[in-house]
């Protein structure tokens, strides 16, 4: 089960961000993938895309930095 790792940046160009949003809009759903997680104005998507994520550190609380 996925967990919420905290906020991370994207590093995307504006063009890449627009393309990704168009792809994600097609995958939108009302069902959050993390049971019980409630975030105002969140848009949830079906898990059909993959991403490689890099981070520099993890805090004692388990939050990505």
Protein backbone atom coordinates (compact mmCIF):
# COMPACT_ATOMS: atom_id res chain seq x y z
CA UNK A 1 0.00 0.00 0.00
CA UNK A 2 1.48 3.41 -0.96
CA UNK A 3 2.21 5.92 1.80
CA UNK A 4 2.33 9.71 1.68
CA UNK A 5 6.06 10.63 1.62
CA UNK A 6 5.54 14.41 1.86
CA UNK A 7 5.93 17.13 -0.77
CA UNK A 8 8.51 16.85 -3.56
CA UNK A 9 9.43 19.13 -6.46
CA UNK A 10 9.04 18.11 -10.11
CA UNK A 11 11.82 19.71 -12.11
CA UNK A 12 9.48 19.53 -15.15
CA UNK A 13 9.53 22.06 -17.95
CA UNK A 14 6.22 23.81 -18.63
CA UNK A 15 5.73 21.72 -21.79
CA UNK A 16 6.34 18.42 -19.97
CA UNK A 17 4.00 19.49 -17.15
CA UNK A 18 1.20 20.28 -19.63
CA UNK A 19 1.67 16.91 -21.37
CA UNK A 20 1.65 15.04 -18.08
CA UNK A 21 -1.48 16.88 -16.89
CA UNK A 22 -3.30 15.92 -20.08
CA UNK A 23 -2.33 12.28 -19.55
CA UNK A 24 -3.32 12.35 -15.87
CA UNK A 25 -6.67 14.04 -16.60
CA UNK A 26 -7.63 10.93 -18.58
CA UNK A 27 -6.85 8.75 -15.54
CA UNK A 28 -8.81 10.80 -12.96
CA UNK A 29 -10.89 8.97 -10.33
CA UNK A 30 -12.71 9.88 -7.12
CA UNK A 31 -11.08 7.02 -5.19
CA UNK A 32 -7.82 7.89 -3.33
CA UNK A 33 -5.10 5.25 -3.63
CA UNK A 34 -4.13 5.76 0.01
CA UNK A 35 -6.98 4.57 2.21
CA UNK A 36 -8.23 7.25 4.60
CA UNK A 37 -6.13 10.07 3.12
CA UNK A 38 -8.16 13.25 2.68
CA UNK A 39 -6.67 16.30 0.98
CA UNK A 40 -8.77 19.29 -0.07
CA UNK A 41 -8.92 19.78 -3.83
CA UNK A 42 -6.84 16.64 -4.50
CA UNK A 43 -7.30 14.96 -7.88
CA UNK A 44 -6.71 11.21 -7.73
CA UNK A 45 -5.70 9.11 -10.74
CA UNK A 46 -5.70 5.42 -11.56
CA UNK A 47 -2.21 3.95 -11.21
CA UNK A 48 -1.23 3.38 -14.82
CA UNK A 49 1.90 5.54 -15.23
CA UNK A 50 5.33 5.01 -13.71
CA UNK A 51 7.84 7.62 -12.58
CA UNK A 52 11.43 7.63 -11.39
CA UNK A 53 11.84 9.79 -8.29
CA UNK A 54 15.12 11.03 -6.81
CA UNK A 55 15.43 12.55 -3.34
CA UNK A 56 18.33 13.82 -1.27
CA UNK A 57 17.35 12.75 2.25
CA UNK A 58 14.68 11.28 4.53
CA UNK A 59 13.84 13.01 7.83
CA UNK A 60 13.48 11.16 11.13
CA UNK A 61 9.72 11.34 10.55
CA UNK A 62 10.08 9.53 7.22
CA UNK A 63 9.44 12.61 5.05
CA UNK A 64 11.35 12.92 1.76
CA UNK A 65 13.58 15.96 1.25
